[in-house]
Amino acid sequence: MRDTGTKVSRRGGRGPKIERIADRYGITGLGDELVDAWLGEGREQRSLRELEGDVNRRVIQAALDEAGAHVLDGEVDNFYRLLTSDDVTAGSRTEARNTLREKGVDVDQLEADIISYQSVYNYLKRHRNVERKSSDDDQTAAESGLNTIRKLRSRLRTVTIDVIDRLVKAEEVVIGAYEVEVDIRVTCTDCETRMTPAALLSSGHCNCDHAVDE
């Protein structure tokens, strides 16, 4: 159900992130498009995760267009994957960032403007007061927490690369081709179960909790 009386502020620097980046990159009607796509008005319903990807690809394309850069079919999708996927190596991400810089893109600004699943959720639910029938893509507390952990891990990896690169240029550190991996593990000191945050949030318990349930 759409709240047609809701007005969203578009003043510079204020309002939800989605509105701010729409203004920054000149993506007109973005908010209304998200509402229609999530509700499925005149089109197939899109999930929150699909909308996250849709917006980020448009932002990357807009940044490239603003820089006057020519890109081939599929390059925007690839840049999006390289900048955000947890499966991408640090070296590949650095190469993608350098390529974007060579094309004239302000990479730091672009990465700051990339939205999360939570941004879409907050925008639709809190700023547009949009509701639809219960669906599988409504965000759970576990999904929200895991998304936060992934973003922080990606940010830590990026910061680490930037620090090492600066030290190499200053000739304070000598290293060949390198990669940075951020490995997070959660350990229960009672049962000594050690797992990734994703495994913990997926299962909902460690081994000692599991033993009690059985």
N, C-alpha and C. Protein backbone atom coordinates (compact mmCIF):
# COMPACT_ATOMS: atom_id res chain seq x y z
N MET A 1 0.85 -1.19 0.00
CA MET A 1 0.00 0.00 0.00
C MET A 1 0.88 1.23 0.00
N ARG A 2 0.63 2.15 -0.90
CA ARG A 2 1.44 3.35 -1.04
C ARG A 2 0.81 4.51 -0.30
N ASP A 3 1.62 5.24 0.42
CA ASP A 3 1.16 6.46 1.09
C ASP A 3 1.39 7.62 0.12
N THR A 4 0.34 8.01 -0.61
CA THR A 4 0.49 9.02 -1.64
C THR A 4 0.71 10.40 -1.08
N GLY A 5 0.48 10.56 0.21
CA GLY A 5 0.64 11.88 0.79
C GLY A 5 2.04 12.16 1.27
N THR A 6 2.92 11.15 1.20
CA THR A 6 4.27 11.31 1.72
C THR A 6 5.14 12.11 0.77
N LYS A 7 5.81 13.10 1.27
CA LYS A 7 6.75 13.89 0.49
C LYS A 7 8.15 13.65 1.01
N VAL A 8 9.09 13.43 0.13
CA VAL A 8 10.46 13.14 0.52
C VAL A 8 11.34 14.34 0.24
N SER A 9 12.09 14.74 1.25
CA SER A 9 12.97 15.89 1.09
C SER A 9 14.07 15.60 0.09
N ARG A 10 14.32 16.55 -0.82
CA ARG A 10 15.41 16.41 -1.78
C ARG A 10 16.45 17.50 -1.57
N ARG A 11 16.41 18.13 -0.41
CA ARG A 11 17.37 19.20 -0.16
C ARG A 11 18.77 18.60 -0.03
N GLY A 12 19.73 19.31 -0.59
CA GLY A 12 21.11 18.80 -0.60
C GLY A 12 21.61 18.43 0.77
N GLY A 13 22.15 17.22 0.90
CA GLY A 13 22.73 16.77 2.16
C GLY A 13 21.73 16.27 3.18
N ARG A 14 20.44 16.38 2.86
CA ARG A 14 19.43 15.90 3.80
C ARG A 14 18.60 14.80 3.17
N GLY A 15 17.80 14.16 4.02
CA GLY A 15 16.96 13.10 3.51
C GLY A 15 17.70 11.79 3.43
N PRO A 16 17.01 10.72 3.02
CA PRO A 16 17.62 9.39 2.94
C PRO A 16 18.71 9.33 1.88
N LYS A 17 19.59 8.37 2.04
CA LYS A 17 20.74 8.25 1.14
C LYS A 17 20.30 8.08 -0.30
N ILE A 18 19.26 7.31 -0.54
CA ILE A 18 18.82 7.07 -1.91
C ILE A 18 18.42 8.37 -2.59
N GLU A 19 17.77 9.26 -1.86
CA GLU A 19 17.39 10.55 -2.43
C GLU A 19 18.63 11.41 -2.70
N ARG A 20 19.61 11.33 -1.82
CA ARG A 20 20.82 12.15 -1.99
C ARG A 20 21.62 11.71 -3.21
N ILE A 21 21.77 10.40 -3.39
CA ILE A 21 22.55 9.95 -4.54
C ILE A 21 21.78 10.18 -5.84
N ALA A 22 20.45 10.12 -5.78
CA ALA A 22 19.64 10.41 -6.97
C ALA A 22 19.89 11.84 -7.42
N ASP A 23 19.97 12.74 -6.45
CA ASP A 23 20.26 14.14 -6.76
C ASP A 23 21.68 14.30 -7.29
N ARG A 24 22.64 13.63 -6.63
CA ARG A 24 24.04 13.79 -7.00
C ARG A 24 24.31 13.32 -8.43
N TYR A 25 23.68 12.22 -8.83
CA TYR A 25 23.95 11.65 -10.14
C TYR A 25 22.87 11.96 -11.18
N GLY A 26 21.91 12.77 -10.79
CA GLY A 26 20.87 13.16 -11.74
C GLY A 26 19.97 12.01 -12.18
N ILE A 27 19.71 11.08 -11.27
CA ILE A 27 18.84 9.94 -11.59
C ILE A 27 17.41 10.33 -11.19
N THR A 28 16.68 10.87 -12.12
CA THR A 28 15.35 11.38 -11.83
C THR A 28 14.34 10.25 -11.63
N GLY A 29 13.44 10.45 -10.67
CA GLY A 29 12.37 9.50 -10.44
C GLY A 29 12.79 8.20 -9.78
N LEU A 30 14.00 8.17 -9.23
CA LEU A 30 14.51 6.92 -8.66
C LEU A 30 13.63 6.41 -7.52
N GLY A 31 13.24 7.31 -6.61
CA GLY A 31 12.44 6.88 -5.47
C GLY A 31 11.12 6.27 -5.89
N ASP A 32 10.42 6.91 -6.81
CA ASP A 32 9.14 6.37 -7.29
C ASP A 32 9.33 5.04 -8.00
N GLU A 33 10.43 4.91 -8.74
CA GLU A 33 10.71 3.66 -9.44
C GLU A 33 10.91 2.51 -8.45
N LEU A 34 11.60 2.80 -7.35
CA LEU A 34 11.83 1.77 -6.33
C LEU A 34 10.51 1.33 -5.71
N VAL A 35 9.66 2.31 -5.41
CA VAL A 35 8.36 1.98 -4.83
C VAL A 35 7.55 1.10 -5.77
N ASP A 36 7.46 1.51 -7.04
CA ASP A 36 6.68 0.75 -8.02
C ASP A 36 7.25 -0.65 -8.23
N ALA A 37 8.59 -0.75 -8.27
CA ALA A 37 9.22 -2.05 -8.50
C ALA A 37 9.01 -2.98 -7.31
N TRP A 38 9.06 -2.43 -6.11
CA TRP A 38 8.88 -3.30 -4.93
C TRP A 38 7.43 -3.74 -4.79
N LEU A 39 6.51 -2.85 -5.10
CA LEU A 39 5.10 -3.19 -5.03
C LEU A 39 4.64 -4.01 -6.23
N GLY A 40 5.41 -3.94 -7.33
CA GLY A 40 5.02 -4.65 -8.53
C GLY A 40 3.94 -3.93 -9.31
N GLU A 41 3.90 -2.61 -9.22
CA GLU A 41 2.89 -1.83 -9.92
C GLU A 41 3.29 -1.65 -11.38
N GLY A 42 2.56 -2.33 -12.27
CA GLY A 42 2.84 -2.24 -13.69
C GLY A 42 4.04 -3.04 -14.11
N ARG A 43 4.57 -3.87 -13.25
CA ARG A 43 5.76 -4.67 -13.55
C ARG A 43 5.85 -5.82 -12.55
N GLU A 44 6.83 -6.69 -12.78
CA GLU A 44 7.06 -7.79 -11.84
C GLU A 44 7.69 -7.25 -10.57
N GLN A 45 7.27 -7.78 -9.43
CA GLN A 45 7.83 -7.33 -8.16
C GLN A 45 9.31 -7.64 -8.09
N ARG A 46 10.07 -6.69 -7.57
CA ARG A 46 11.51 -6.87 -7.35
C ARG A 46 11.76 -7.01 -5.86
N SER A 47 12.69 -7.87 -5.49
CA SER A 47 13.05 -8.02 -4.08
C SER A 47 13.94 -6.86 -3.65
N LEU A 48 14.09 -6.71 -2.35
CA LEU A 48 14.94 -5.66 -1.82
C LEU A 48 16.39 -5.84 -2.29
N ARG A 49 16.85 -7.07 -2.34
CA ARG A 49 18.22 -7.32 -2.78
C ARG A 49 18.38 -7.00 -4.27
N GLU A 50 17.37 -7.31 -5.06
CA GLU A 50 17.44 -6.96 -6.48
C GLU A 50 17.46 -5.45 -6.67
N LEU A 51 16.67 -4.75 -5.86
CA LEU A 51 16.63 -3.29 -5.95
C LEU A 51 17.96 -2.68 -5.53
N GLU A 52 18.60 -3.27 -4.53
CA GLU A 52 19.93 -2.82 -4.11
C GLU A 52 20.89 -2.86 -5.30
N GLY A 53 20.89 -3.99 -6.01
CA GLY A 53 21.77 -4.13 -7.16
C GLY A 53 21.40 -3.19 -8.29
N ASP A 54 20.09 -3.01 -8.51
CA ASP A 54 19.63 -2.11 -9.57
C ASP A 54 20.14 -0.69 -9.35
N VAL A 55 19.99 -0.21 -8.12
CA VAL A 55 20.40 1.16 -7.81
C VAL A 55 21.90 1.31 -7.95
N ASN A 56 22.65 0.37 -7.41
CA ASN A 56 24.12 0.48 -7.45
C ASN A 56 24.66 0.44 -8.87
N ARG A 57 24.07 -0.36 -9.71
CA ARG A 57 24.52 -0.39 -11.12
C ARG A 57 24.23 0.94 -11.80
N ARG A 58 23.09 1.53 -11.49
CA ARG A 58 22.76 2.83 -12.09
C ARG A 58 23.70 3.92 -11.59
N VAL A 59 24.09 3.83 -10.32
CA VAL A 59 25.03 4.81 -9.76
C VAL A 59 26.39 4.68 -10.43
N ILE A 60 26.86 3.44 -10.60
CA ILE A 60 28.15 3.22 -11.26
C ILE A 60 28.10 3.71 -12.70
N GLN A 61 27.01 3.39 -13.41
CA GLN A 61 26.87 3.85 -14.78
C GLN A 61 26.85 5.37 -14.85
N ALA A 62 26.13 6.00 -13.91
CA ALA A 62 26.04 7.46 -13.89
C ALA A 62 27.41 8.09 -13.61
N ALA A 63 28.18 7.48 -12.72
CA ALA A 63 29.52 7.99 -12.41
C ALA A 63 30.44 7.90 -13.63
N LEU A 64 30.32 6.81 -14.37
CA LEU A 64 31.12 6.64 -15.58
C LEU A 64 30.68 7.64 -16.66
N ASP A 65 29.37 7.83 -16.79
CA ASP A 65 28.86 8.78 -17.78
C ASP A 65 29.32 10.20 -17.45
N GLU A 66 29.29 10.52 -16.16
CA GLU A 66 29.71 11.86 -15.72
C GLU A 66 31.18 12.10 -16.04
N ALA A 67 31.97 11.02 -15.97
CA ALA A 67 33.40 11.13 -16.26
C ALA A 67 33.68 11.07 -17.76
N GLY A 68 32.63 10.85 -18.56
CA GLY A 68 32.81 10.75 -20.00
C GLY A 68 33.50 9.48 -20.42
N ALA A 69 33.37 8.43 -19.59
CA ALA A 69 34.05 7.17 -19.87
C ALA A 69 33.19 6.25 -20.72
N HIS A 70 33.81 5.61 -21.68
CA HIS A 70 33.12 4.62 -22.51
C HIS A 70 33.30 3.24 -21.88
N VAL A 71 32.20 2.50 -21.75
CA VAL A 71 32.29 1.15 -21.18
C VAL A 71 31.59 0.16 -22.11
N LEU A 72 32.07 -1.06 -22.10
CA LEU A 72 31.49 -2.12 -22.92
C LEU A 72 30.33 -2.77 -22.19
N ASP A 73 29.50 -3.51 -22.92
CA ASP A 73 28.40 -4.23 -22.30
C ASP A 73 28.95 -5.17 -21.22
N GLY A 74 28.31 -5.14 -20.08
CA GLY A 74 28.71 -6.02 -18.98
C GLY A 74 29.75 -5.43 -18.05
N GLU A 75 30.39 -4.33 -18.44
CA GLU A 75 31.44 -3.75 -17.59
C GLU A 75 30.88 -3.18 -16.30
N VAL A 76 29.71 -2.56 -16.37
CA VAL A 76 29.12 -1.99 -15.16
C VAL A 76 28.82 -3.10 -14.15
N ASP A 77 28.24 -4.19 -14.63
CA ASP A 77 27.96 -5.33 -13.75
C ASP A 77 29.25 -5.85 -13.13
N ASN A 78 30.30 -5.90 -13.93
CA ASN A 78 31.57 -6.41 -13.42
C ASN A 78 32.18 -5.47 -12.39
N PHE A 79 32.10 -4.17 -12.65
CA PHE A 79 32.60 -3.21 -11.66
C PHE A 79 31.84 -3.35 -10.35
N TYR A 80 30.53 -3.51 -10.44
CA TYR A 80 29.70 -3.66 -9.24
C TYR A 80 30.13 -4.89 -8.44
N ARG A 81 30.34 -6.00 -9.14
CA ARG A 81 30.78 -7.22 -8.47
C ARG A 81 32.14 -7.05 -7.82
N LEU A 82 33.07 -6.44 -8.56
CA LEU A 82 34.43 -6.28 -8.05
C LEU A 82 34.49 -5.34 -6.85
N LEU A 83 33.62 -4.35 -6.80
CA LEU A 83 33.64 -3.38 -5.70
C LEU A 83 32.91 -3.87 -4.46
N THR A 84 31.99 -4.82 -4.60
CA THR A 84 31.13 -5.17 -3.47
C THR A 84 31.13 -6.63 -3.04
N SER A 85 31.50 -7.54 -3.92
CA SER A 85 31.37 -8.96 -3.58
C SER A 85 32.40 -9.40 -2.56
N ASP A 86 31.97 -10.22 -1.62
CA ASP A 86 32.88 -10.77 -0.61
C ASP A 86 33.84 -11.80 -1.21
N ASP A 87 33.49 -12.33 -2.39
CA ASP A 87 34.31 -13.37 -3.00
C ASP A 87 35.45 -12.81 -3.85
N VAL A 88 35.51 -11.51 -4.00
CA VAL A 88 36.53 -10.88 -4.83
C VAL A 88 37.82 -10.71 -4.03
N THR A 89 38.94 -11.01 -4.65
CA THR A 89 40.23 -10.84 -3.96
C THR A 89 40.57 -9.36 -3.83
N ALA A 90 41.42 -9.07 -2.87
CA ALA A 90 41.83 -7.69 -2.64
C ALA A 90 42.53 -7.12 -3.87
N GLY A 91 43.33 -7.95 -4.53
CA GLY A 91 44.04 -7.50 -5.71
C GLY A 91 43.09 -7.13 -6.84
N SER A 92 42.05 -7.94 -7.04
CA SER A 92 41.07 -7.66 -8.09
C SER A 92 40.29 -6.39 -7.79
N ARG A 93 39.95 -6.20 -6.51
CA ARG A 93 39.22 -4.99 -6.14
C ARG A 93 40.09 -3.74 -6.35
N THR A 94 41.35 -3.84 -5.98
CA THR A 94 42.27 -2.71 -6.18
C THR A 94 42.42 -2.39 -7.66
N GLU A 95 42.53 -3.42 -8.48
CA GLU A 95 42.65 -3.22 -9.93
C GLU A 95 41.41 -2.53 -10.49
N ALA A 96 40.23 -2.93 -10.00
CA ALA A 96 38.99 -2.30 -10.46
C ALA A 96 38.93 -0.84 -10.06
N ARG A 97 39.36 -0.55 -8.84
CA ARG A 97 39.35 0.84 -8.38
C ARG A 97 40.32 1.69 -9.20
N ASN A 98 41.49 1.13 -9.50
CA ASN A 98 42.47 1.86 -10.31
C ASN A 98 41.95 2.10 -11.73
N THR A 99 41.25 1.11 -12.28
CA THR A 99 40.69 1.27 -13.63
C THR A 99 39.65 2.38 -13.65
N LEU A 100 38.82 2.42 -12.63
CA LEU A 100 37.81 3.48 -12.54
C LEU A 100 38.46 4.85 -12.41
N ARG A 101 39.53 4.93 -11.62
CA ARG A 101 40.24 6.20 -11.48
C ARG A 101 40.82 6.66 -12.83
N GLU A 102 41.36 5.69 -13.57
CA GLU A 102 41.92 6.02 -14.88
C GLU A 102 40.85 6.53 -15.84
N LYS A 103 39.63 6.10 -15.62
CA LYS A 103 38.52 6.56 -16.45
C LYS A 103 37.96 7.91 -15.98
N GLY A 104 38.54 8.44 -14.89
CA GLY A 104 38.12 9.74 -14.40
C GLY A 104 37.06 9.72 -13.32
N VAL A 105 36.79 8.54 -12.75
CA VAL A 105 35.76 8.41 -11.71
C VAL A 105 36.36 8.70 -10.33
N ASP A 106 35.64 9.45 -9.52
CA ASP A 106 36.03 9.67 -8.13
C ASP A 106 35.61 8.41 -7.36
N VAL A 107 36.55 7.49 -7.21
CA VAL A 107 36.24 6.17 -6.64
C VAL A 107 35.81 6.27 -5.18
N ASP A 108 36.46 7.12 -4.40
CA ASP A 108 36.09 7.26 -3.00
C ASP A 108 34.65 7.71 -2.85
N GLN A 109 34.25 8.67 -3.67
CA GLN A 109 32.87 9.15 -3.64
C GLN A 109 31.91 8.06 -4.11
N LEU A 110 32.30 7.37 -5.16
CA LEU A 110 31.45 6.30 -5.69
C LEU A 110 31.20 5.22 -4.65
N GLU A 111 32.27 4.78 -3.99
CA GLU A 111 32.11 3.72 -3.00
C GLU A 111 31.28 4.20 -1.81
N ALA A 112 31.40 5.48 -1.47
CA ALA A 112 30.59 6.02 -0.39
C ALA A 112 29.11 6.07 -0.78
N ASP A 113 28.84 6.18 -2.09
CA ASP A 113 27.47 6.29 -2.57
C ASP A 113 26.81 4.95 -2.84
N ILE A 114 27.57 3.88 -2.87
CA ILE A 114 26.98 2.56 -3.07
C ILE A 114 26.09 2.22 -1.88
N ILE A 115 24.86 1.85 -2.16
CA ILE A 115 23.89 1.62 -1.10
C ILE A 115 23.89 0.17 -0.65
N SER A 116 23.32 -0.06 0.49
CA SER A 116 23.19 -1.40 1.04
C SER A 116 21.73 -1.85 0.98
N TYR A 117 21.53 -3.12 1.25
CA TYR A 117 20.18 -3.69 1.39
C TYR A 117 19.39 -2.89 2.41
N GLN A 118 20.06 -2.51 3.51
CA GLN A 118 19.40 -1.77 4.57
C GLN A 118 18.93 -0.40 4.08
N SER A 119 19.68 0.23 3.19
CA SER A 119 19.29 1.54 2.67
C SER A 119 17.97 1.45 1.93
N VAL A 120 17.81 0.41 1.11
CA VAL A 120 16.57 0.22 0.37
C VAL A 120 15.41 -0.03 1.34
N TYR A 121 15.66 -0.90 2.30
CA TYR A 121 14.63 -1.24 3.29
C TYR A 121 14.18 0.00 4.06
N ASN A 122 15.14 0.77 4.56
CA ASN A 122 14.80 1.96 5.32
C ASN A 122 14.05 2.98 4.48
N TYR A 123 14.49 3.12 3.24
CA TYR A 123 13.85 4.11 2.36
C TYR A 123 12.38 3.77 2.13
N LEU A 124 12.13 2.53 1.76
CA LEU A 124 10.76 2.12 1.44
C LEU A 124 9.86 2.10 2.67
N LYS A 125 10.38 1.56 3.76
CA LYS A 125 9.55 1.39 4.95
C LYS A 125 9.41 2.67 5.77
N ARG A 126 10.52 3.40 5.96
CA ARG A 126 10.50 4.54 6.87
C ARG A 126 10.23 5.87 6.18
N HIS A 127 10.79 6.05 4.98
CA HIS A 127 10.67 7.35 4.33
C HIS A 127 9.51 7.43 3.35
N ARG A 128 9.12 6.29 2.79
CA ARG A 128 7.98 6.30 1.86
C ARG A 128 6.75 5.62 2.45
N ASN A 129 6.89 5.05 3.63
CA ASN A 129 5.77 4.38 4.31
C ASN A 129 5.08 3.36 3.42
N VAL A 130 5.89 2.57 2.71
CA VAL A 130 5.36 1.58 1.78
C VAL A 130 5.27 0.23 2.46
N GLU A 131 4.14 -0.45 2.26
CA GLU A 131 3.95 -1.79 2.79
C GLU A 131 3.45 -2.69 1.67
N ARG A 132 3.82 -3.93 1.73
CA ARG A 132 3.24 -4.91 0.81
C ARG A 132 3.06 -6.20 1.58
N LYS A 133 2.36 -7.13 1.00
CA LYS A 133 2.10 -8.38 1.69
C LYS A 133 3.41 -9.05 2.06
N SER A 134 3.38 -9.78 3.15
CA SER A 134 4.58 -10.44 3.65
C SER A 134 5.26 -11.23 2.55
N SER A 135 6.58 -11.08 2.47
CA SER A 135 7.35 -11.80 1.46
C SER A 135 8.65 -12.30 2.08
N ASP A 136 9.31 -13.16 1.35
CA ASP A 136 10.52 -13.79 1.87
C ASP A 136 11.68 -12.82 1.98
N ASP A 137 11.57 -11.66 1.31
CA ASP A 137 12.74 -10.78 1.32
C ASP A 137 12.66 -9.71 2.40
N ASP A 138 11.63 -9.75 3.27
CA ASP A 138 11.62 -8.84 4.39
C ASP A 138 12.83 -9.15 5.26
N GLN A 139 13.57 -8.15 5.62
CA GLN A 139 14.85 -8.36 6.28
C GLN A 139 14.68 -8.80 7.73
N THR A 140 15.39 -9.87 8.10
CA THR A 140 15.39 -10.33 9.47
C THR A 140 16.55 -9.67 10.21
N ALA A 141 16.52 -9.79 11.53
CA ALA A 141 17.60 -9.23 12.33
C ALA A 141 18.93 -9.88 11.97
N ALA A 142 18.89 -11.20 11.69
CA ALA A 142 20.12 -11.92 11.33
C ALA A 142 20.68 -11.41 10.01
N GLU A 143 19.81 -11.20 9.03
CA GLU A 143 20.26 -10.71 7.73
C GLU A 143 20.84 -9.32 7.84
N SER A 144 20.18 -8.49 8.65
CA SER A 144 20.66 -7.12 8.84
C SER A 144 22.04 -7.13 9.50
N GLY A 145 22.20 -7.98 10.52
CA GLY A 145 23.49 -8.07 11.21
C GLY A 145 24.59 -8.58 10.31
N LEU A 146 24.28 -9.60 9.50
CA LEU A 146 25.28 -10.17 8.60
C LEU A 146 25.68 -9.16 7.55
N ASN A 147 24.73 -8.39 7.06
CA ASN A 147 25.03 -7.36 6.07
C ASN A 147 25.98 -6.32 6.65
N THR A 148 25.75 -5.94 7.90
CA THR A 148 26.62 -4.97 8.57
C THR A 148 28.04 -5.52 8.70
N ILE A 149 28.17 -6.78 9.09
CA ILE A 149 29.48 -7.40 9.24
C ILE A 149 30.21 -7.44 7.91
N ARG A 150 29.51 -7.79 6.84
CA ARG A 150 30.13 -7.88 5.52
C ARG A 150 30.63 -6.52 5.06
N LYS A 151 29.84 -5.48 5.30
CA LYS A 151 30.25 -4.14 4.88
C LYS A 151 31.48 -3.69 5.65
N LEU A 152 31.51 -3.97 6.95
CA LEU A 152 32.66 -3.59 7.77
C LEU A 152 33.90 -4.37 7.37
N ARG A 153 33.73 -5.65 7.05
CA ARG A 153 34.87 -6.47 6.63
C ARG A 153 35.43 -5.94 5.31
N SER A 154 34.52 -5.59 4.39
CA SER A 154 34.97 -5.05 3.11
C SER A 154 35.69 -3.72 3.30
N ARG A 155 35.15 -2.89 4.21
CA ARG A 155 35.78 -1.60 4.47
C ARG A 155 37.16 -1.77 5.10
N LEU A 156 37.29 -2.71 6.04
CA LEU A 156 38.58 -2.96 6.69
C LEU A 156 39.61 -3.42 5.67
N ARG A 157 39.20 -4.27 4.73
CA ARG A 157 40.11 -4.75 3.70
C ARG A 157 40.57 -3.60 2.80
N THR A 158 39.62 -2.73 2.45
CA THR A 158 39.95 -1.59 1.60
C THR A 158 40.92 -0.64 2.30
N VAL A 159 40.66 -0.35 3.58
CA VAL A 159 41.53 0.54 4.35
C VAL A 159 42.93 -0.06 4.47
N THR A 160 43.01 -1.36 4.72
CA THR A 160 44.30 -2.02 4.85
C THR A 160 45.10 -1.91 3.55
N ILE A 161 44.44 -2.12 2.43
CA ILE A 161 45.11 -2.00 1.13
C ILE A 161 45.62 -0.59 0.91
N ASP A 162 44.79 0.39 1.24
CA ASP A 162 45.19 1.79 1.06
C ASP A 162 46.42 2.13 1.91
N VAL A 163 46.45 1.64 3.13
CA VAL A 163 47.58 1.91 4.03
C VAL A 163 48.85 1.27 3.48
N ILE A 164 48.75 0.00 3.07
CA ILE A 164 49.92 -0.69 2.54
C ILE A 164 50.43 0.00 1.27
N ASP A 165 49.50 0.37 0.38
CA ASP A 165 49.90 1.04 -0.86
C ASP A 165 50.64 2.34 -0.58
N ARG A 166 50.16 3.10 0.40
CA ARG A 166 50.83 4.36 0.74
C ARG A 166 52.23 4.12 1.29
N LEU A 167 52.36 3.09 2.12
CA LEU A 167 53.66 2.77 2.70
C LEU A 167 54.64 2.26 1.63
N VAL A 168 54.12 1.53 0.66
CA VAL A 168 54.98 1.05 -0.44
C VAL A 168 55.48 2.23 -1.26
N LYS A 169 54.59 3.16 -1.55
CA LYS A 169 54.98 4.34 -2.33
C LYS A 169 56.00 5.20 -1.58
N ALA A 170 55.87 5.21 -0.24
CA ALA A 170 56.80 5.98 0.58
C ALA A 170 58.10 5.20 0.83
N GLU A 171 58.17 3.99 0.27
CA GLU A 171 59.33 3.11 0.40
C GLU A 171 59.62 2.75 1.86
N GLU A 172 58.58 2.70 2.64
CA GLU A 172 58.72 2.25 4.03
C GLU A 172 58.43 0.76 4.15
N VAL A 173 57.78 0.20 3.12
CA VAL A 173 57.47 -1.23 3.09
C VAL A 173 57.82 -1.75 1.71
N VAL A 174 58.39 -2.95 1.66
CA VAL A 174 58.71 -3.59 0.39
C VAL A 174 57.93 -4.89 0.31
N ILE A 175 57.12 -5.02 -0.73
CA ILE A 175 56.31 -6.23 -0.89
C ILE A 175 55.98 -6.39 -2.36
N GLY A 176 55.90 -7.63 -2.81
CA GLY A 176 55.52 -7.88 -4.20
C GLY A 176 54.01 -7.80 -4.35
N ALA A 177 53.47 -8.47 -5.36
CA ALA A 177 52.02 -8.51 -5.54
C ALA A 177 51.41 -9.14 -4.29
N TYR A 178 50.38 -8.53 -3.77
CA TYR A 178 49.82 -9.04 -2.51
C TYR A 178 48.30 -9.00 -2.52
N GLU A 179 47.72 -9.72 -1.60
CA GLU A 179 46.28 -9.71 -1.38
C GLU A 179 46.04 -9.58 0.12
N VAL A 180 44.91 -8.97 0.47
CA VAL A 180 44.53 -8.81 1.87
C VAL A 180 43.23 -9.58 2.10
N GLU A 181 43.24 -10.45 3.08
CA GLU A 181 42.05 -11.21 3.43
C GLU A 181 41.69 -10.93 4.88
N VAL A 182 40.43 -10.65 5.11
CA VAL A 182 39.94 -10.42 6.47
C VAL A 182 39.08 -11.62 6.85
N ASP A 183 39.58 -12.41 7.76
CA ASP A 183 38.91 -13.65 8.15
C ASP A 183 38.32 -13.48 9.55
N ILE A 184 37.01 -13.51 9.66
CA ILE A 184 36.34 -13.32 10.95
C ILE A 184 35.78 -14.66 11.41
N ARG A 185 36.06 -15.03 12.63
CA ARG A 185 35.54 -16.26 13.22
C ARG A 185 34.95 -15.97 14.60
N VAL A 186 33.88 -16.66 14.91
CA VAL A 186 33.24 -16.55 16.22
C VAL A 186 33.46 -17.87 16.95
N THR A 187 34.00 -17.79 18.17
CA THR A 187 34.30 -19.00 18.94
C THR A 187 33.51 -19.03 20.23
N CYS A 188 32.78 -20.12 20.45
CA CYS A 188 32.10 -20.32 21.73
C CYS A 188 33.10 -20.93 22.69
N THR A 189 33.38 -20.27 23.80
CA THR A 189 34.38 -20.76 24.75
C THR A 189 33.87 -21.92 25.59
N ASP A 190 32.56 -22.19 25.52
CA ASP A 190 32.01 -23.32 26.28
C ASP A 190 32.18 -24.64 25.52
N CYS A 191 31.77 -24.65 24.24
CA CYS A 191 31.87 -25.89 23.46
C CYS A 191 33.01 -25.86 22.45
N GLU A 192 33.70 -24.70 22.38
CA GLU A 192 34.85 -24.51 21.49
C GLU A 192 34.48 -24.62 20.00
N THR A 193 33.22 -24.38 19.70
CA THR A 193 32.81 -24.32 18.30
C THR A 193 33.35 -23.03 17.69
N ARG A 194 33.96 -23.14 16.52
CA ARG A 194 34.50 -21.99 15.82
C ARG A 194 33.88 -21.92 14.44
N MET A 195 33.25 -20.80 14.12
CA MET A 195 32.53 -20.69 12.85
C MET A 195 32.53 -19.25 12.35
N THR A 196 32.19 -19.11 11.08
CA THR A 196 32.06 -17.76 10.52
C THR A 196 30.77 -17.13 11.03
N PRO A 197 30.67 -15.80 11.01
CA PRO A 197 29.42 -15.16 11.40
C PRO A 197 28.25 -15.66 10.55
N ALA A 198 28.47 -15.89 9.25
CA ALA A 198 27.40 -16.37 8.38
C ALA A 198 26.90 -17.73 8.81
N ALA A 199 27.83 -18.61 9.20
CA ALA A 199 27.43 -19.95 9.64
C ALA A 199 26.65 -19.88 10.95
N LEU A 200 27.08 -19.00 11.85
CA LEU A 200 26.39 -18.85 13.13
C LEU A 200 24.98 -18.32 12.94
N LEU A 201 24.85 -17.27 12.12
CA LEU A 201 23.55 -16.66 11.93
C LEU A 201 22.62 -17.56 11.12
N SER A 202 23.20 -18.40 10.27
CA SER A 202 22.39 -19.34 9.48
C SER A 202 21.85 -20.46 10.35
N SER A 203 22.72 -21.03 11.20
CA SER A 203 22.29 -22.14 12.06
C SER A 203 21.52 -21.66 13.29
N GLY A 204 21.92 -20.49 13.78
CA GLY A 204 21.25 -19.93 14.96
C GLY A 204 21.77 -20.45 16.27
N HIS A 205 22.82 -21.28 16.24
CA HIS A 205 23.33 -21.83 17.50
C HIS A 205 24.73 -22.39 17.30
N CYS A 206 25.43 -22.56 18.43
CA CYS A 206 26.70 -23.26 18.42
C CYS A 206 26.42 -24.71 18.78
N ASN A 207 27.45 -25.52 18.99
CA ASN A 207 27.24 -26.93 19.28
C ASN A 207 26.63 -27.18 20.66
N CYS A 208 26.96 -26.35 21.63
CA CYS A 208 26.40 -26.59 22.95
C CYS A 208 24.90 -26.28 22.97
N ASP A 209 24.48 -25.24 22.24
CA ASP A 209 23.06 -24.94 22.13
C ASP A 209 22.33 -26.07 21.40
N HIS A 210 22.99 -26.57 20.38
CA HIS A 210 22.40 -27.65 19.58
C HIS A 210 22.19 -28.89 20.42
N ALA A 211 23.16 -29.17 21.30
CA ALA A 211 23.07 -30.36 22.15
C ALA A 211 21.91 -30.22 23.11
N VAL A 212 21.68 -29.02 23.65
CA VAL A 212 20.56 -28.81 24.57
C VAL A 212 19.24 -28.99 23.85
N ASP A 213 19.13 -28.50 22.59
CA ASP A 213 17.88 -28.62 21.84
C ASP A 213 17.52 -30.08 21.58
N GLU A 214 18.55 -30.92 21.34
CA GLU A 214 18.29 -32.33 21.06
C GLU A 214 17.89 -33.07 22.32
